[in-house]
Amino acid sequence: MPTQGNSKSGSNRGFASMDEKKQKEIASKGGKASHAKGTGHEFSSSEAVEAGRKGGLVTQERRANMNNNAANNTNPNTSNTETHNR
């Protein structure tokens, strides 16, 4: 069975297997329907500020962790025993 506009192998079922244009079309319909029904959500400026703050904090934490790993000369994807046995 041919795939729907993607180069991925595997199952040809579900939302993730659709080409990007089709996904956007379906998602857009869902968003329009929820807003028409009155259940759609729009961020207020204060909610957007809070979301941005949280994202910034996560980024800072990740950078700090990467810097700590580099300073300790450890690979976060290997255990200490793997590092010492090389």
N, C-alpha and C. Protein backbone atom coordinates (compact mmCIF):
# COMPACT_ATOMS: atom_id res chain seq x y z
N MET A 1 0.86 -1.19 0.00
CA MET A 1 0.00 0.00 0.00
C MET A 1 0.90 1.25 0.00
N PRO A 2 0.71 2.21 -0.88
CA PRO A 2 1.56 3.40 -0.93
C PRO A 2 1.30 4.32 0.26
N THR A 3 2.34 5.07 0.63
CA THR A 3 2.17 6.02 1.73
C THR A 3 1.54 7.30 1.21
N GLN A 4 1.04 8.11 2.12
CA GLN A 4 0.33 9.33 1.76
C GLN A 4 1.25 10.54 1.79
N GLY A 5 2.19 10.62 0.87
CA GLY A 5 3.02 11.80 0.75
C GLY A 5 4.14 11.92 1.76
N ASN A 6 4.48 10.83 2.44
CA ASN A 6 5.61 10.90 3.34
C ASN A 6 6.60 9.81 2.99
N SER A 7 7.83 9.96 3.43
CA SER A 7 8.86 9.00 3.10
C SER A 7 9.09 8.00 4.24
N LYS A 8 8.25 8.03 5.27
CA LYS A 8 8.38 7.13 6.39
C LYS A 8 7.88 5.75 6.01
N SER A 9 8.52 4.74 6.53
CA SER A 9 8.02 3.39 6.33
C SER A 9 7.15 3.02 7.52
N GLY A 10 6.41 1.96 7.38
CA GLY A 10 5.59 1.50 8.49
C GLY A 10 4.12 1.69 8.21
N SER A 11 3.36 1.83 9.26
CA SER A 11 1.92 1.91 9.17
C SER A 11 1.46 3.12 8.38
N ASN A 12 0.41 2.94 7.63
CA ASN A 12 -0.18 4.02 6.84
C ASN A 12 -1.48 4.47 7.49
N ARG A 13 -1.56 4.34 8.82
CA ARG A 13 -2.78 4.68 9.53
C ARG A 13 -2.51 5.81 10.50
N GLY A 14 -3.55 6.58 10.79
CA GLY A 14 -3.48 7.59 11.84
C GLY A 14 -3.01 8.94 11.37
N PHE A 15 -3.17 9.88 12.29
CA PHE A 15 -2.88 11.29 12.03
C PHE A 15 -1.41 11.52 11.71
N ALA A 16 -0.52 10.85 12.43
CA ALA A 16 0.92 11.08 12.25
C ALA A 16 1.42 10.59 10.90
N SER A 17 0.73 9.65 10.29
CA SER A 17 1.19 9.13 9.00
C SER A 17 0.73 10.00 7.83
N MET A 18 -0.16 10.96 8.08
CA MET A 18 -0.66 11.84 7.02
C MET A 18 0.39 12.86 6.63
N ASP A 19 0.28 13.36 5.41
CA ASP A 19 1.20 14.42 5.03
C ASP A 19 0.84 15.69 5.80
N GLU A 20 1.82 16.57 5.91
CA GLU A 20 1.69 17.76 6.75
C GLU A 20 0.52 18.65 6.34
N LYS A 21 0.27 18.77 5.06
CA LYS A 21 -0.83 19.63 4.58
C LYS A 21 -2.18 19.11 5.08
N LYS A 22 -2.36 17.79 5.01
CA LYS A 22 -3.61 17.17 5.46
C LYS A 22 -3.78 17.33 6.97
N GLN A 23 -2.69 17.17 7.74
CA GLN A 23 -2.74 17.36 9.19
C GLN A 23 -3.18 18.77 9.54
N LYS A 24 -2.59 19.76 8.88
CA LYS A 24 -2.94 21.16 9.15
C LYS A 24 -4.40 21.44 8.81
N GLU A 25 -4.86 20.86 7.73
CA GLU A 25 -6.26 21.05 7.32
C GLU A 25 -7.22 20.51 8.38
N ILE A 26 -6.95 19.32 8.88
CA ILE A 26 -7.81 18.71 9.90
C ILE A 26 -7.73 19.48 11.21
N ALA A 27 -6.53 19.87 11.62
CA ALA A 27 -6.36 20.61 12.87
C ALA A 27 -7.06 21.96 12.79
N SER A 28 -6.99 22.60 11.64
CA SER A 28 -7.64 23.89 11.46
C SER A 28 -9.16 23.76 11.61
N LYS A 29 -9.71 22.71 11.04
CA LYS A 29 -11.16 22.48 11.17
C LYS A 29 -11.54 22.29 12.63
N GLY A 30 -10.72 21.54 13.38
CA GLY A 30 -11.01 21.32 14.79
C GLY A 30 -10.97 22.60 15.59
N GLY A 31 -9.97 23.44 15.31
CA GLY A 31 -9.87 24.71 16.02
C GLY A 31 -11.04 25.64 15.72
N LYS A 32 -11.41 25.70 14.46
CA LYS A 32 -12.55 26.55 14.07
C LYS A 32 -13.84 26.05 14.71
N ALA A 33 -14.01 24.74 14.75
CA ALA A 33 -15.24 24.17 15.33
C ALA A 33 -15.31 24.45 16.83
N SER A 34 -14.18 24.32 17.54
CA SER A 34 -14.22 24.54 18.99
C SER A 34 -14.51 26.00 19.31
N HIS A 35 -13.97 26.91 18.52
CA HIS A 35 -14.24 28.33 18.77
C HIS A 35 -15.70 28.67 18.41
N ALA A 36 -16.21 28.07 17.36
CA ALA A 36 -17.61 28.31 16.99
C ALA A 36 -18.55 27.79 18.08
N LYS A 37 -18.16 26.69 18.70
CA LYS A 37 -18.96 26.09 19.77
C LYS A 37 -18.82 26.87 21.08
N GLY A 38 -17.78 27.68 21.17
CA GLY A 38 -17.56 28.45 22.39
C GLY A 38 -16.65 27.78 23.39
N THR A 39 -16.02 26.68 23.00
CA THR A 39 -15.15 25.97 23.93
C THR A 39 -13.67 26.14 23.59
N GLY A 40 -13.38 26.91 22.57
CA GLY A 40 -11.99 27.16 22.19
C GLY A 40 -11.30 28.06 23.20
N HIS A 41 -9.97 27.92 23.30
CA HIS A 41 -9.22 28.72 24.28
C HIS A 41 -8.29 29.67 23.55
N GLU A 42 -8.27 30.91 24.00
CA GLU A 42 -7.31 31.89 23.51
C GLU A 42 -6.53 32.39 24.71
N PHE A 43 -5.20 32.41 24.57
CA PHE A 43 -4.35 32.86 25.66
C PHE A 43 -4.54 34.35 25.90
N SER A 44 -4.68 34.72 27.16
CA SER A 44 -4.65 36.13 27.53
C SER A 44 -3.18 36.54 27.58
N SER A 45 -2.91 37.83 27.65
CA SER A 45 -1.52 38.26 27.69
C SER A 45 -0.82 37.75 28.95
N SER A 46 -1.53 37.69 30.07
CA SER A 46 -0.91 37.21 31.30
C SER A 46 -0.60 35.72 31.21
N GLU A 47 -1.47 34.94 30.57
CA GLU A 47 -1.20 33.51 30.38
C GLU A 47 0.00 33.31 29.46
N ALA A 48 0.10 34.13 28.43
CA ALA A 48 1.22 34.03 27.51
C ALA A 48 2.53 34.38 28.20
N VAL A 49 2.51 35.39 29.05
CA VAL A 49 3.71 35.77 29.80
C VAL A 49 4.15 34.61 30.71
N GLU A 50 3.20 34.01 31.39
CA GLU A 50 3.50 32.90 32.29
C GLU A 50 4.06 31.70 31.52
N ALA A 51 3.48 31.39 30.37
CA ALA A 51 3.98 30.28 29.55
C ALA A 51 5.40 30.56 29.07
N GLY A 52 5.67 31.78 28.66
CA GLY A 52 7.02 32.15 28.23
C GLY A 52 8.02 32.07 29.37
N ARG A 53 7.61 32.46 30.55
CA ARG A 53 8.49 32.40 31.72
C ARG A 53 8.85 30.95 32.03
N LYS A 54 7.86 30.08 32.00
CA LYS A 54 8.10 28.66 32.28
C LYS A 54 9.04 28.06 31.23
N GLY A 55 8.82 28.40 29.99
CA GLY A 55 9.69 27.90 28.92
C GLY A 55 11.12 28.38 29.10
N GLY A 56 11.29 29.62 29.51
CA GLY A 56 12.62 30.16 29.76
C GLY A 56 13.32 29.46 30.90
N LEU A 57 12.57 29.13 31.94
CA LEU A 57 13.16 28.43 33.09
C LEU A 57 13.63 27.03 32.69
N VAL A 58 12.84 26.34 31.88
CA VAL A 58 13.23 25.01 31.43
C VAL A 58 14.51 25.09 30.59
N THR A 59 14.58 26.08 29.73
CA THR A 59 15.77 26.25 28.91
C THR A 59 16.99 26.51 29.77
N GLN A 60 16.85 27.36 30.76
CA GLN A 60 17.98 27.64 31.67
C GLN A 60 18.44 26.37 32.38
N GLU A 61 17.49 25.57 32.85
CA GLU A 61 17.83 24.34 33.55
C GLU A 61 18.57 23.37 32.63
N ARG A 62 18.11 23.24 31.40
CA ARG A 62 18.77 22.34 30.45
C ARG A 62 20.19 22.82 30.15
N ARG A 63 20.36 24.10 29.97
CA ARG A 63 21.70 24.62 29.70
C ARG A 63 22.62 24.40 30.90
N ALA A 64 22.09 24.61 32.09
CA ALA A 64 22.89 24.39 33.29
C ALA A 64 23.30 22.92 33.39
N ASN A 65 22.38 22.02 33.10
CA ASN A 65 22.70 20.59 33.13
C ASN A 65 23.73 20.23 32.08
N MET A 66 23.62 20.80 30.90
CA MET A 66 24.61 20.53 29.84
C MET A 66 25.97 21.05 30.25
N ASN A 67 26.01 22.23 30.84
CA ASN A 67 27.28 22.79 31.29
C ASN A 67 27.89 21.96 32.41
N ASN A 68 27.07 21.48 33.32
CA ASN A 68 27.57 20.63 34.41
C ASN A 68 28.13 19.33 33.86
N ASN A 69 27.44 18.74 32.88
CA ASN A 69 27.92 17.50 32.28
C ASN A 69 29.23 17.73 31.55
N ALA A 70 29.37 18.84 30.87
CA ALA A 70 30.61 19.15 30.16
C ALA A 70 31.74 19.38 31.15
N ALA A 71 31.46 20.05 32.25
CA ALA A 71 32.48 20.32 33.26
C ALA A 71 32.95 19.03 33.94
N ASN A 72 32.02 18.09 34.10
CA ASN A 72 32.36 16.81 34.72
C ASN A 72 32.91 15.81 33.70
N ASN A 73 32.91 16.21 32.43
CA ASN A 73 33.39 15.38 31.33
C ASN A 73 32.67 14.03 31.30
N THR A 74 31.37 14.07 31.50
CA THR A 74 30.58 12.85 31.45
C THR A 74 29.58 12.96 30.33
N ASN A 75 29.25 11.82 29.79
CA ASN A 75 28.24 11.74 28.75
C ASN A 75 26.94 11.35 29.43
N PRO A 76 25.89 12.15 29.33
CA PRO A 76 24.64 11.82 30.03
C PRO A 76 23.99 10.55 29.51
N ASN A 77 24.42 10.06 28.34
CA ASN A 77 23.82 8.86 27.76
C ASN A 77 24.55 7.58 28.17
N THR A 78 25.60 7.69 28.96
CA THR A 78 26.32 6.51 29.41
C THR A 78 26.41 6.51 30.92
N SER A 79 26.56 5.33 31.47
CA SER A 79 26.70 5.24 32.93
C SER A 79 28.15 5.51 33.30
N ASN A 80 28.42 5.73 34.57
CA ASN A 80 29.78 5.97 35.04
C ASN A 80 30.68 4.78 34.78
N THR A 81 30.15 3.55 34.88
CA THR A 81 30.98 2.38 34.64
C THR A 81 31.42 2.31 33.18
N GLU A 82 30.56 2.70 32.28
CA GLU A 82 30.93 2.72 30.86
C GLU A 82 32.02 3.75 30.62
N THR A 83 31.92 4.90 31.25
CA THR A 83 32.90 5.95 31.07
C THR A 83 34.26 5.51 31.61
N HIS A 84 34.29 4.85 32.78
CA HIS A 84 35.54 4.46 33.41
C HIS A 84 36.19 3.25 32.73
N ASN A 85 35.41 2.43 32.05
CA ASN A 85 35.96 1.22 31.42
C ASN A 85 36.57 1.47 30.05
N ARG A 86 36.52 2.66 29.56
CA ARG A 86 37.04 2.93 28.21
C ARG A 86 38.53 3.02 28.20
